[in-house]
Amino acid sequence: MCGIAPNELCKWSEALPGQFGFTKQLVFRVALPHITLLCLSIFYVVIGSFILITLNDNNSENEIFEIKKQFVDETLKKLVEILPYKKNNSSKQDEIIKIFFGYFYEEKKDSFKSFILNVYEINERNKYSNSIIWNLFFSTTWLTSIGYGVNAPNSLGQRIFCIFYLIFGIPLYLVTLADLAKFCTEGINRLYTECVKFRYYLLGWYRHRKRRIHANSGIEYIAVGTRGRRRLSSRKLSGQLVRNEEEMAEFLWKNLEKTHFVEVPFFLVYILLLAYIIGSAQFVAYLEDWAFFDSLYFIMMSVMTIGFGGKIINYLIEELRSN
């Protein structure tokens, strides 16, 4: 009976009204450690993101960054001052721009290179460092040991924090991912078991229906001589084989009803992994307007936790930040 035997699992259908509260508490106690672990991991990422933003605001290199921004602004102002703003003379504007940048490059190569590098740095830093969404995204990728590197810490304080943050965070996330992987594995095994049960159920139903059709056909057989006896014996043998197969199917079905775990074939797991990678690559290619191979490359580098950072998704992050 449910709740009496110490080693028996209690089913929902077997639980008595007085035992339902106990069963509910048992399920809650089993699920509580997993939920707590997941919430702790999410909280750890959020705290790390806010600390990164705080360290970035208090960064001593911000003064140097502001000087670079001022240099770029002054250079652009000079360019604006010498350009005649005439909408009907775009070819003249293009010529003046070429002359200006040609003079800028020939006379002051170092300043020109600094100008280009500063523009790139300002664009990248404004895009990644000042957004909580980007910091959440890259804190998560750090802890999963992917580390694309686009939002890498650029000050001593951030780097020291990153070292200790990862020392405690990576083991926490490994335990969390292993816990989630266990549930995912159990879910796949359960789904595969139900598919096998359903397959044998359909097979038994089909054979039972076929046997009823043969029984209701009313075909009479007249045995004549030796040939008739041979046909009769062969028919009996085939009928016995069919009954044996039906008994085997019924035996498998009865045993599968009590089974909660069936080993999933390796090729099926491999197919699921390929389907996951290809589907994710197609989805990212659609959102980012990438070529499929570029998207597949990004997904493969992420799944294998390499994370070169040559390709980074921007659409989803920008949508979240704008919302």
C-alpha atoms as a PDB file:
ATOM      1  CA  MET A   1       0.000   0.000   0.000  1.00  0.00           C
ATOM      2  CA  CYS A   2       1.195   3.527  -0.743  1.00  0.00           C
ATOM      3  CA  GLY A   3       3.167   5.088   2.101  1.00  0.00           C
ATOM      4  CA  ILE A   4       3.646   1.859   4.107  1.00  0.00           C
ATOM      5  CA  ALA A   5       6.563   0.073   2.444  1.00  0.00           C
ATOM      6  CA  PRO A   6       9.735   2.102   3.015  1.00  0.00           C
ATOM      7  CA  ASN A   7      11.270   1.265  -0.367  1.00  0.00           C
ATOM      8  CA  GLU A   8       8.178   1.770  -2.534  1.00  0.00           C
ATOM      9  CA  LEU A   9       7.482   4.879  -4.574  1.00  0.00           C
ATOM     10  CA  CYS A  10       4.085   6.457  -4.049  1.00  0.00           C
ATOM     11  CA  LYS A  11       2.013   7.006  -7.198  1.00  0.00           C
ATOM     12  CA  TRP A  12      -0.456   9.854  -7.459  1.00  0.00           C
ATOM     13  CA  SER A  13      -3.278   7.458  -8.313  1.00  0.00           C
ATOM     14  CA  GLU A  14      -2.555   5.344  -5.225  1.00  0.00           C
ATOM     15  CA  ALA A  15      -2.349   8.201  -2.757  1.00  0.00           C
ATOM     16  CA  LEU A  16      -5.173   8.325  -0.235  1.00  0.00           C
ATOM     17  CA  PRO A  17      -6.756  11.685   0.666  1.00  0.00           C
ATOM     18  CA  GLY A  18      -4.910  11.710   3.972  1.00  0.00           C
ATOM     19  CA  GLN A  19      -1.620  10.898   2.290  1.00  0.00           C
ATOM     20  CA  PHE A  20      -1.874  13.490  -0.478  1.00  0.00           C
ATOM     21  CA  GLY A  21      -0.383  16.219   1.682  1.00  0.00           C
ATOM     22  CA  PHE A  22       2.547  13.972   2.572  1.00  0.00           C
ATOM     23  CA  THR A  23       3.127  13.141  -1.103  1.00  0.00           C
ATOM     24  CA  LYS A  24       3.015  16.826  -2.010  1.00  0.00           C
ATOM     25  CA  GLN A  25       5.590  17.621   0.662  1.00  0.00           C
ATOM     26  CA  LEU A  26       7.764  14.765  -0.570  1.00  0.00           C
ATOM     27  CA  VAL A  27       7.706  16.103  -4.132  1.00  0.00           C
ATOM     28  CA  PHE A  28       8.473  19.605  -2.848  1.00  0.00           C
ATOM     29  CA  ARG A  29      11.444  18.336  -0.838  1.00  0.00           C
ATOM     30  CA  VAL A  30      12.792  16.494  -3.859  1.00  0.00           C
ATOM     31  CA  ALA A  31      12.415  19.518  -6.168  1.00  0.00           C
ATOM     32  CA  LEU A  32      13.596  22.162  -3.688  1.00  0.00           C
ATOM     33  CA  PRO A  33      17.381  21.515  -4.001  1.00  0.00           C
ATOM     34  CA  HIS A  34      17.223  21.694  -7.805  1.00  0.00           C
ATOM     35  CA  ILE A  35      15.181  24.909  -7.795  1.00  0.00           C
ATOM     36  CA  THR A  36      17.483  26.455  -5.185  1.00  0.00           C
ATOM     37  CA  LEU A  37      20.569  25.594  -7.231  1.00  0.00           C
ATOM     38  CA  LEU A  38      19.090  27.152 -10.376  1.00  0.00           C
ATOM     39  CA  CYS A  39      18.005  30.328  -8.562  1.00  0.00           C
ATOM     40  CA  LEU A  40      21.430  30.642  -6.919  1.00  0.00           C
ATOM     41  CA  SER A  41      23.134  30.424 -10.325  1.00  0.00           C
ATOM     42  CA  ILE A  42      20.855  33.114 -11.783  1.00  0.00           C
ATOM     43  CA  PHE A  43      21.439  35.355  -8.748  1.00  0.00           C
ATOM     44  CA  TYR A  44      25.207  34.866  -9.085  1.00  0.00           C
ATOM     45  CA  VAL A  45      25.111  36.042 -12.725  1.00  0.00           C
ATOM     46  CA  VAL A  46      22.989  39.108 -11.932  1.00  0.00           C
ATOM     47  CA  ILE A  47      25.246  40.175  -9.054  1.00  0.00           C
ATOM     48  CA  GLY A  48      28.335  39.723 -11.230  1.00  0.00           C
ATOM     49  CA  SER A  49      26.832  41.882 -13.979  1.00  0.00           C
ATOM     50  CA  PHE A  50      26.070  44.770 -11.611  1.00  0.00           C
ATOM     51  CA  ILE A  51      29.553  44.570 -10.089  1.00  0.00           C
ATOM     52  CA  LEU A  52      31.097  44.736 -13.571  1.00  0.00           C
ATOM     53  CA  ILE A  53      29.065  47.853 -14.375  1.00  0.00           C
ATOM     54  CA  THR A  54      30.110  49.456 -11.078  1.00  0.00           C
ATOM     55  CA  LEU A  55      33.779  48.679 -11.673  1.00  0.00           C
ATOM     56  CA  ASN A  56      33.516  50.063 -15.188  1.00  0.00           C
ATOM     57  CA  ASP A  57      32.017  53.339 -13.922  1.00  0.00           C
ATOM     58  CA  ASN A  58      34.802  53.702 -11.331  1.00  0.00           C
ATOM     59  CA  ASN A  59      37.526  52.755 -13.764  1.00  0.00           C
ATOM     60  CA  SER A  60      40.527  55.105 -13.804  1.00  0.00           C
ATOM     61  CA  GLU A  61      40.934  54.439 -17.520  1.00  0.00           C
ATOM     62  CA  ASN A  62      37.691  56.306 -18.163  1.00  0.00           C
ATOM     63  CA  GLU A  63      39.661  59.559 -18.136  1.00  0.00           C
ATOM     64  CA  ILE A  64      41.861  58.278 -20.958  1.00  0.00           C
ATOM     65  CA  PHE A  65      38.745  57.092 -22.746  1.00  0.00           C
ATOM     66  CA  GLU A  66      37.177  60.546 -22.449  1.00  0.00           C
ATOM     67  CA  ILE A  67      40.339  62.112 -23.896  1.00  0.00           C
ATOM     68  CA  LYS A  68      40.098  59.765 -26.870  1.00  0.00           C
ATOM     69  CA  LYS A  69      36.459  60.679 -27.358  1.00  0.00           C
ATOM     70  CA  GLN A  70      37.333  64.369 -27.237  1.00  0.00           C
ATOM     71  CA  PHE A  71      40.058  63.845 -29.847  1.00  0.00           C
ATOM     72  CA  VAL A  72      37.619  62.085 -32.167  1.00  0.00           C
ATOM     73  CA  ASP A  73      34.978  64.783 -31.671  1.00  0.00           C
ATOM     74  CA  GLU A  74      37.424  67.580 -32.470  1.00  0.00           C
ATOM     75  CA  THR A  75      38.629  65.787 -35.589  1.00  0.00           C
ATOM     76  CA  LEU A  76      35.081  65.329 -36.813  1.00  0.00           C
ATOM     77  CA  LYS A  77      34.308  68.987 -36.097  1.00  0.00           C
ATOM     78  CA  LYS A  78      37.233  70.043 -38.286  1.00  0.00           C
ATOM     79  CA  LEU A  79      35.919  67.829 -41.034  1.00  0.00           C
ATOM     80  CA  VAL A  80      32.465  69.388 -40.719  1.00  0.00           C
ATOM     81  CA  GLU A  81      33.860  72.919 -40.827  1.00  0.00           C
ATOM     82  CA  ILE A  82      35.671  72.455 -44.130  1.00  0.00           C
ATOM     83  CA  LEU A  83      32.809  70.645 -45.851  1.00  0.00           C
ATOM     84  CA  PRO A  84      30.366  72.862 -47.772  1.00  0.00           C
ATOM     85  CA  TYR A  85      26.923  71.583 -46.904  1.00  0.00           C
ATOM     86  CA  LYS A  86      25.302  71.659 -50.300  1.00  0.00           C
ATOM     87  CA  LYS A  87      22.843  68.878 -50.887  1.00  0.00           C
ATOM     88  CA  ASN A  88      22.864  69.394 -54.632  1.00  0.00           C
ATOM     89  CA  ASN A  89      26.629  68.991 -54.947  1.00  0.00           C
ATOM     90  CA  SER A  90      27.349  65.535 -53.495  1.00  0.00           C
ATOM     91  CA  SER A  91      30.206  64.851 -55.927  1.00  0.00           C
ATOM     92  CA  LYS A  92      32.000  67.963 -54.678  1.00  0.00           C
ATOM     93  CA  GLN A  93      31.575  66.782 -51.089  1.00  0.00           C
ATOM     94  CA  ASP A  94      33.040  63.384 -51.924  1.00  0.00           C
ATOM     95  CA  GLU A  95      36.030  65.045 -53.544  1.00  0.00           C
ATOM     96  CA  ILE A  96      36.640  67.276 -50.534  1.00  0.00           C
ATOM     97  CA  ILE A  97      36.369  64.308 -48.170  1.00  0.00           C
ATOM     98  CA  LYS A  98      38.963  62.393 -50.190  1.00  0.00           C
ATOM     99  CA  ILE A  99      41.300  65.395 -50.190  1.00  0.00           C
ATOM    100  CA  PHE A 100      40.855  65.907 -46.443  1.00  0.00           C
ATOM    101  CA  PHE A 101      41.534  62.297 -45.481  1.00  0.00           C
ATOM    102  CA  GLY A 102      44.383  62.077 -47.998  1.00  0.00           C
ATOM    103  CA  TYR A 103      46.036  65.094 -46.421  1.00  0.00           C
ATOM    104  CA  PHE A 104      45.270  63.762 -42.946  1.00  0.00           C
ATOM    105  CA  TYR A 105      46.877  60.416 -43.745  1.00  0.00           C
ATOM    106  CA  GLU A 106      49.933  61.779 -45.549  1.00  0.00           C
ATOM    107  CA  GLU A 107      50.803  64.554 -43.103  1.00  0.00           C
ATOM    108  CA  LYS A 108      49.792  62.963 -39.816  1.00  0.00           C
ATOM    109  CA  LYS A 109      49.842  59.206 -40.174  1.00  0.00           C
ATOM    110  CA  ASP A 110      50.100  58.559 -36.442  1.00  0.00           C
ATOM    111  CA  SER A 111      47.168  60.841 -35.697  1.00  0.00           C
ATOM    112  CA  PHE A 112      45.152  59.226 -38.473  1.00  0.00           C
ATOM    113  CA  LYS A 113      45.795  55.735 -37.110  1.00  0.00           C
ATOM    114  CA  SER A 114      44.906  56.885 -33.598  1.00  0.00           C
ATOM    115  CA  PHE A 115      41.731  58.435 -34.955  1.00  0.00           C
ATOM    116  CA  ILE A 116      40.615  55.195 -36.619  1.00  0.00           C
ATOM    117  CA  LEU A 117      41.497  53.035 -33.597  1.00  0.00           C
ATOM    118  CA  ASN A 118      39.766  55.418 -31.206  1.00  0.00           C
ATOM    119  CA  VAL A 119      36.594  55.429 -33.289  1.00  0.00           C
ATOM    120  CA  TYR A 120      36.538  51.622 -33.225  1.00  0.00           C
ATOM    121  CA  GLU A 121      37.234  51.485 -29.476  1.00  0.00           C
ATOM    122  CA  ILE A 122      34.537  54.040 -28.681  1.00  0.00           C
ATOM    123  CA  ASN A 123      31.992  52.175 -30.769  1.00  0.00           C
ATOM    124  CA  GLU A 124      32.785  48.792 -29.190  1.00  0.00           C
ATOM    125  CA  ARG A 125      32.948  50.109 -25.647  1.00  0.00           C
ATOM    126  CA  ASN A 126      29.693  52.024 -25.878  1.00  0.00           C
ATOM    127  CA  LYS A 127      28.021  48.961 -27.357  1.00  0.00           C
ATOM    128  CA  TYR A 128      29.065  46.416 -24.742  1.00  0.00           C
ATOM    129  CA  SER A 129      30.257  47.950 -21.474  1.00  0.00           C
ATOM    130  CA  ASN A 130      27.337  50.193 -20.551  1.00  0.00           C
ATOM    131  CA  SER A 131      24.509  47.687 -21.007  1.00  0.00           C
ATOM    132  CA  ILE A 132      23.213  45.396 -18.257  1.00  0.00           C
ATOM    133  CA  ILE A 133      21.940  42.978 -20.924  1.00  0.00           C
ATOM    134  CA  TRP A 134      25.385  42.612 -22.488  1.00  0.00           C
ATOM    135  CA  ASN A 135      26.964  42.114 -19.067  1.00  0.00           C
ATOM    136  CA  LEU A 136      24.379  39.464 -18.194  1.00  0.00           C
ATOM    137  CA  PHE A 137      25.008  37.699 -21.470  1.00  0.00           C
ATOM    138  CA  PHE A 138      28.770  37.685 -21.165  1.00  0.00           C
ATOM    139  CA  SER A 139      28.791  36.827 -17.459  1.00  0.00           C
ATOM    140  CA  THR A 140      26.823  33.729 -18.363  1.00  0.00           C
ATOM    141  CA  THR A 141      29.207  32.835 -21.183  1.00  0.00           C
ATOM    142  CA  TRP A 142      32.177  33.304 -18.851  1.00  0.00           C
ATOM    143  CA  LEU A 143      30.715  30.938 -16.287  1.00  0.00           C
ATOM    144  CA  THR A 144      29.945  28.317 -18.927  1.00  0.00           C
ATOM    145  CA  SER A 145      33.627  28.591 -19.986  1.00  0.00           C
ATOM    146  CA  ILE A 146      32.767  29.869 -23.478  1.00  0.00           C
ATOM    147  CA  GLY A 147      34.131  33.394 -23.082  1.00  0.00           C
ATOM    148  CA  TYR A 148      33.682  35.181 -26.417  1.00  0.00           C
ATOM    149  CA  GLY A 149      36.009  37.944 -25.240  1.00  0.00           C
ATOM    150  CA  VAL A 150      34.139  40.908 -26.715  1.00  0.00           C
ATOM    151  CA  ASN A 151      33.336  42.352 -23.303  1.00  0.00           C
ATOM    152  CA  ALA A 152      36.603  41.315 -21.658  1.00  0.00           C
ATOM    153  CA  PRO A 153      37.659  43.357 -18.589  1.00  0.00           C
ATOM    154  CA  ASN A 154      40.084  46.152 -19.434  1.00  0.00           C
ATOM    155  CA  SER A 155      41.159  47.362 -15.981  1.00  0.00           C
ATOM    156  CA  LEU A 156      43.127  45.825 -13.114  1.00  0.00           C
ATOM    157  CA  GLY A 157      40.154  45.859 -10.751  1.00  0.00           C
ATOM    158  CA  GLN A 158      37.879  44.175 -13.267  1.00  0.00           C
ATOM    159  CA  ARG A 159      40.452  41.502 -14.033  1.00  0.00           C
ATOM    160  CA  ILE A 160      41.060  40.689 -10.347  1.00  0.00           C
ATOM    161  CA  PHE A 161      37.315  40.483  -9.796  1.00  0.00           C
ATOM    162  CA  CYS A 162      36.968  38.269 -12.878  1.00  0.00           C
ATOM    163  CA  ILE A 163      39.543  35.780 -11.544  1.00  0.00           C
ATOM    164  CA  PHE A 164      37.788  35.267  -8.192  1.00  0.00           C
ATOM    165  CA  TYR A 165      34.363  35.443  -9.821  1.00  0.00           C
ATOM    166  CA  LEU A 166      35.220  32.556 -12.139  1.00  0.00           C
ATOM    167  CA  ILE A 167      37.008  30.506  -9.450  1.00  0.00           C
ATOM    168  CA  PHE A 168      33.752  30.193  -7.503  1.00  0.00           C
ATOM    169  CA  GLY A 169      31.326  30.590 -10.402  1.00  0.00           C
ATOM    170  CA  ILE A 170      32.527  27.908 -12.812  1.00  0.00           C
ATOM    171  CA  PRO A 171      32.142  25.023 -10.285  1.00  0.00           C
ATOM    172  CA  LEU A 172      28.687  26.349  -9.385  1.00  0.00           C
ATOM    173  CA  TYR A 173      27.642  26.381 -13.023  1.00  0.00           C
ATOM    174  CA  LEU A 174      29.140  22.982 -13.725  1.00  0.00           C
ATOM    175  CA  VAL A 175      27.000  21.523 -10.931  1.00  0.00           C
ATOM    176  CA  THR A 176      23.936  23.391 -12.230  1.00  0.00           C
ATOM    177  CA  LEU A 177      24.471  22.253 -15.816  1.00  0.00           C
ATOM    178  CA  ALA A 178      25.024  18.669 -14.666  1.00  0.00           C
ATOM    179  CA  ASP A 179      21.770  18.836 -12.709  1.00  0.00           C
ATOM    180  CA  LEU A 180      19.877  20.191 -15.723  1.00  0.00           C
ATOM    181  CA  ALA A 181      21.517  17.592 -17.963  1.00  0.00           C
ATOM    182  CA  LYS A 182      20.275  14.846 -15.637  1.00  0.00           C
ATOM    183  CA  PHE A 183      16.688  16.065 -16.000  1.00  0.00           C
ATOM    184  CA  CYS A 184      17.130  16.379 -19.751  1.00  0.00           C
ATOM    185  CA  THR A 185      18.477  12.820 -19.962  1.00  0.00           C
ATOM    186  CA  GLU A 186      15.637  11.449 -17.860  1.00  0.00           C
ATOM    187  CA  GLY A 187      13.137  13.303 -20.025  1.00  0.00           C
ATOM    188  CA  ILE A 188      14.587  11.864 -23.233  1.00  0.00           C
ATOM    189  CA  ASN A 189      14.651   8.359 -21.738  1.00  0.00           C
ATOM    190  CA  ARG A 190      11.064   8.690 -20.567  1.00  0.00           C
ATOM    191  CA  LEU A 191       9.909   9.960 -23.956  1.00  0.00           C
ATOM    192  CA  TYR A 192      11.712   7.138 -25.743  1.00  0.00           C
ATOM    193  CA  THR A 193      10.167   4.589 -23.349  1.00  0.00           C
ATOM    194  CA  GLU A 194       6.685   5.922 -24.038  1.00  0.00           C
ATOM    195  CA  CYS A 195       7.355   5.762 -27.786  1.00  0.00           C
ATOM    196  CA  VAL A 196       8.427   2.109 -27.478  1.00  0.00           C
ATOM    197  CA  LYS A 197       5.318   1.319 -25.431  1.00  0.00           C
ATOM    198  CA  PHE A 198       3.096   3.008 -27.987  1.00  0.00           C
ATOM    199  CA  ARG A 199       4.794   1.100 -30.808  1.00  0.00           C
ATOM    200  CA  TYR A 200       4.123  -2.270 -29.157  1.00  0.00           C
ATOM    201  CA  TYR A 201       0.589  -1.179 -28.349  1.00  0.00           C
ATOM    202  CA  LEU A 202      -0.083  -0.422 -32.029  1.00  0.00           C
ATOM    203  CA  LEU A 203       1.562  -3.707 -33.026  1.00  0.00           C
ATOM    204  CA  GLY A 204      -0.619  -5.696 -30.617  1.00  0.00           C
ATOM    205  CA  TRP A 205      -3.753  -3.866 -31.756  1.00  0.00           C
ATOM    206  CA  TYR A 206      -2.949  -4.555 -35.419  1.00  0.00           C
ATOM    207  CA  ARG A 207      -2.332  -8.266 -34.819  1.00  0.00           C
ATOM    208  CA  HIS A 208      -5.462  -8.613 -32.718  1.00  0.00           C
ATOM    209  CA  ARG A 209      -7.498  -6.960 -35.475  1.00  0.00           C
ATOM    210  CA  LYS A 210      -5.903  -9.189 -38.111  1.00  0.00           C
ATOM    211  CA  ARG A 211      -6.745 -12.305 -36.064  1.00  0.00           C
ATOM    212  CA  ARG A 212     -10.376 -11.209 -35.728  1.00  0.00           C
ATOM    213  CA  ILE A 213     -10.624 -10.676 -39.484  1.00  0.00           C
ATOM    214  CA  HIS A 214      -9.330 -14.192 -40.142  1.00  0.00           C
ATOM    215  CA  ALA A 215     -11.697 -15.648 -37.522  1.00  0.00           C
ATOM    216  CA  ASN A 216     -14.729 -13.910 -39.029  1.00  0.00           C
ATOM    217  CA  SER A 217     -13.903 -14.716 -42.640  1.00  0.00           C
ATOM    218  CA  GLY A 218     -15.574 -18.176 -42.384  1.00  0.00           C
ATOM    219  CA  ILE A 219     -13.259 -19.822 -44.888  1.00  0.00           C
ATOM    220  CA  GLU A 220     -13.787 -23.571 -44.912  1.00  0.00           C
ATOM    221  CA  TYR A 221     -10.945 -25.864 -45.731  1.00  0.00           C
ATOM    222  CA  ILE A 222     -11.368 -29.393 -47.113  1.00  0.00           C
ATOM    223  CA  ALA A 223      -8.341 -31.619 -46.718  1.00  0.00           C
ATOM    224  CA  VAL A 224      -7.888 -34.066 -49.573  1.00  0.00           C
ATOM    225  CA  GLY A 225      -5.194 -36.770 -49.342  1.00  0.00           C
ATOM    226  CA  THR A 226      -1.621 -36.111 -48.447  1.00  0.00           C
ATOM    227  CA  ARG A 227      -1.565 -32.648 -49.987  1.00  0.00           C
ATOM    228  CA  GLY A 228      -4.470 -31.585 -47.809  1.00  0.00           C
ATOM    229  CA  ARG A 229      -2.807 -32.900 -44.664  1.00  0.00           C
ATOM    230  CA  ARG A 230       0.377 -30.984 -45.541  1.00  0.00           C
ATOM    231  CA  ARG A 231      -1.576 -27.781 -46.070  1.00  0.00           C
ATOM    232  CA  LEU A 232      -3.442 -28.329 -42.826  1.00  0.00           C
ATOM    233  CA  SER A 233      -0.236 -28.937 -40.885  1.00  0.00           C
ATOM    234  CA  SER A 234       1.461 -25.898 -42.436  1.00  0.00           C
ATOM    235  CA  ARG A 235      -1.564 -23.789 -41.589  1.00  0.00           C
ATOM    236  CA  LYS A 236      -1.460 -25.037 -37.990  1.00  0.00           C
ATOM    237  CA  LEU A 237       2.265 -24.276 -37.821  1.00  0.00           C
ATOM    238  CA  SER A 238       1.785 -20.751 -39.176  1.00  0.00           C
ATOM    239  CA  GLY A 239      -1.079 -20.195 -36.759  1.00  0.00           C
ATOM    240  CA  GLN A 240       1.104 -21.364 -33.895  1.00  0.00           C
ATOM    241  CA  LEU A 241       3.881 -18.977 -34.968  1.00  0.00           C
ATOM    242  CA  VAL A 242       1.429 -16.100 -35.143  1.00  0.00           C
ATOM    243  CA  ARG A 243       0.143 -16.943 -31.660  1.00  0.00           C
ATOM    244  CA  ASN A 244       3.713 -17.142 -30.366  1.00  0.00           C
ATOM    245  CA  GLU A 245       4.482 -13.696 -31.816  1.00  0.00           C
ATOM    246  CA  GLU A 246       1.314 -12.293 -30.273  1.00  0.00           C
ATOM    247  CA  GLU A 247       2.215 -13.801 -26.916  1.00  0.00           C
ATOM    248  CA  MET A 248       5.710 -12.297 -27.196  1.00  0.00           C
ATOM    249  CA  ALA A 249       4.263  -8.872 -28.032  1.00  0.00           C
ATOM    250  CA  GLU A 250       1.839  -9.152 -25.124  1.00  0.00           C
ATOM    251  CA  PHE A 251       4.684 -10.165 -22.810  1.00  0.00           C
ATOM    252  CA  LEU A 252       6.790  -7.189 -23.919  1.00  0.00           C
ATOM    253  CA  TRP A 253       3.856  -4.834 -23.508  1.00  0.00           C
ATOM    254  CA  LYS A 254       3.094  -6.017 -19.981  1.00  0.00           C
ATOM    255  CA  ASN A 255       6.741  -5.656 -18.967  1.00  0.00           C
ATOM    256  CA  LEU A 256       7.127  -2.274 -20.632  1.00  0.00           C
ATOM    257  CA  GLU A 257       4.178  -0.981 -18.624  1.00  0.00           C
ATOM    258  CA  LYS A 258       6.264  -1.492 -15.487  1.00  0.00           C
ATOM    259  CA  THR A 259       9.430  -0.067 -17.067  1.00  0.00           C
ATOM    260  CA  HIS A 260      10.483   3.518 -16.413  1.00  0.00           C
ATOM    261  CA  PHE A 261      13.838   3.463 -18.194  1.00  0.00           C
ATOM    262  CA  VAL A 262      14.886   2.195 -21.605  1.00  0.00           C
ATOM    263  CA  GLU A 263      18.371   2.793 -22.947  1.00  0.00           C
ATOM    264  CA  VAL A 264      18.243   5.276 -25.822  1.00  0.00           C
ATOM    265  CA  PRO A 265      20.298   4.227 -28.879  1.00  0.00           C
ATOM    266  CA  PHE A 266      23.427   6.255 -29.511  1.00  0.00           C
ATOM    267  CA  PHE A 267      22.496   7.112 -33.090  1.00  0.00           C
ATOM    268  CA  LEU A 268      19.231   8.670 -31.867  1.00  0.00           C
ATOM    269  CA  VAL A 269      21.101  10.878 -29.389  1.00  0.00           C
ATOM    270  CA  TYR A 270      23.490  11.890 -32.170  1.00  0.00           C
ATOM    271  CA  ILE A 271      20.565  12.765 -34.449  1.00  0.00           C
ATOM    272  CA  LEU A 272      18.983  14.875 -31.686  1.00  0.00           C
ATOM    273  CA  LEU A 273      22.262  16.751 -31.190  1.00  0.00           C
ATOM    274  CA  LEU A 274      22.607  17.452 -34.920  1.00  0.00           C
ATOM    275  CA  ALA A 275      18.988  18.580 -35.103  1.00  0.00           C
ATOM    276  CA  TYR A 276      19.559  20.926 -32.158  1.00  0.00           C
ATOM    277  CA  ILE A 277      22.674  22.460 -33.745  1.00  0.00           C
ATOM    278  CA  ILE A 278      21.163  22.836 -37.220  1.00  0.00           C
ATOM    279  CA  GLY A 279      17.889  24.249 -35.866  1.00  0.00           C
ATOM    280  CA  SER A 280      19.723  26.767 -33.670  1.00  0.00           C
ATOM    281  CA  ALA A 281      21.978  27.775 -36.561  1.00  0.00           C
ATOM    282  CA  GLN A 282      18.988  28.345 -38.829  1.00  0.00           C
ATOM    283  CA  PHE A 283      17.235  30.427 -36.160  1.00  0.00           C
ATOM    284  CA  VAL A 284      20.295  32.611 -35.485  1.00  0.00           C
ATOM    285  CA  ALA A 285      20.915  33.040 -39.223  1.00  0.00           C
ATOM    286  CA  TYR A 286      17.345  34.290 -39.624  1.00  0.00           C
ATOM    287  CA  LEU A 287      17.600  36.766 -36.725  1.00  0.00           C
ATOM    288  CA  GLU A 288      21.075  38.089 -37.486  1.00  0.00           C
ATOM    289  CA  ASP A 289      20.773  37.999 -41.284  1.00  0.00           C
ATOM    290  CA  TRP A 290      23.886  35.819 -41.501  1.00  0.00           C
ATOM    291  CA  ALA A 291      24.840  33.169 -43.976  1.00  0.00           C
ATOM    292  CA  PHE A 292      23.933  29.701 -42.741  1.00  0.00           C
ATOM    293  CA  PHE A 293      27.575  28.596 -42.568  1.00  0.00           C
ATOM    294  CA  ASP A 294      28.509  31.613 -40.419  1.00  0.00           C
ATOM    295  CA  SER A 295      25.627  30.860 -38.078  1.00  0.00           C
ATOM    296  CA  LEU A 296      26.569  27.172 -37.951  1.00  0.00           C
ATOM    297  CA  TYR A 297      30.159  28.157 -37.154  1.00  0.00           C
ATOM    298  CA  PHE A 298      28.966  30.384 -34.285  1.00  0.00           C
ATOM    299  CA  ILE A 299      26.729  27.647 -32.830  1.00  0.00           C
ATOM    300  CA  MET A 300      29.461  25.011 -33.090  1.00  0.00           C
ATOM    301  CA  MET A 301      31.995  27.257 -31.349  1.00  0.00           C
ATOM    302  CA  SER A 302      29.439  27.916 -28.608  1.00  0.00           C
ATOM    303  CA  VAL A 303      28.331  24.307 -28.114  1.00  0.00           C
ATOM    304  CA  MET A 304      31.940  23.117 -27.912  1.00  0.00           C
ATOM    305  CA  THR A 305      32.686  26.001 -25.445  1.00  0.00           C
ATOM    306  CA  ILE A 306      35.494  27.387 -27.607  1.00  0.00           C
ATOM    307  CA  GLY A 307      34.059  30.862 -28.215  1.00  0.00           C
ATOM    308  CA  PHE A 308      36.538  32.607 -30.510  1.00  0.00           C
ATOM    309  CA  GLY A 309      34.352  35.718 -30.584  1.00  0.00           C
ATOM    310  CA  GLY A 310      34.645  36.253 -34.328  1.00  0.00           C
ATOM    311  CA  LYS A 311      30.863  36.112 -34.583  1.00  0.00           C
ATOM    312  CA  ILE A 312      28.600  37.568 -31.890  1.00  0.00           C
ATOM    313  CA  ILE A 313      24.818  37.851 -31.935  1.00  0.00           C
ATOM    314  CA  ASN A 314      23.613  41.451 -31.806  1.00  0.00           C
ATOM    315  CA  TYR A 315      19.915  41.353 -32.719  1.00  0.00           C
ATOM    316  CA  LEU A 316      18.563  39.685 -29.577  1.00  0.00           C
ATOM    317  CA  ILE A 317      20.736  41.733 -27.240  1.00  0.00           C
ATOM    318  CA  GLU A 318      19.788  45.008 -28.932  1.00  0.00           C
ATOM    319  CA  GLU A 319      16.093  44.087 -28.799  1.00  0.00           C
ATOM    320  CA  LEU A 320      16.298  43.313 -25.083  1.00  0.00           C
ATOM    321  CA  ARG A 321      18.221  46.502 -24.394  1.00  0.00           C
ATOM    322  CA  SER A 322      15.752  48.666 -26.348  1.00  0.00           C
ATOM    323  CA  ASN A 323      12.792  47.093 -24.548  1.00  0.00           C
END
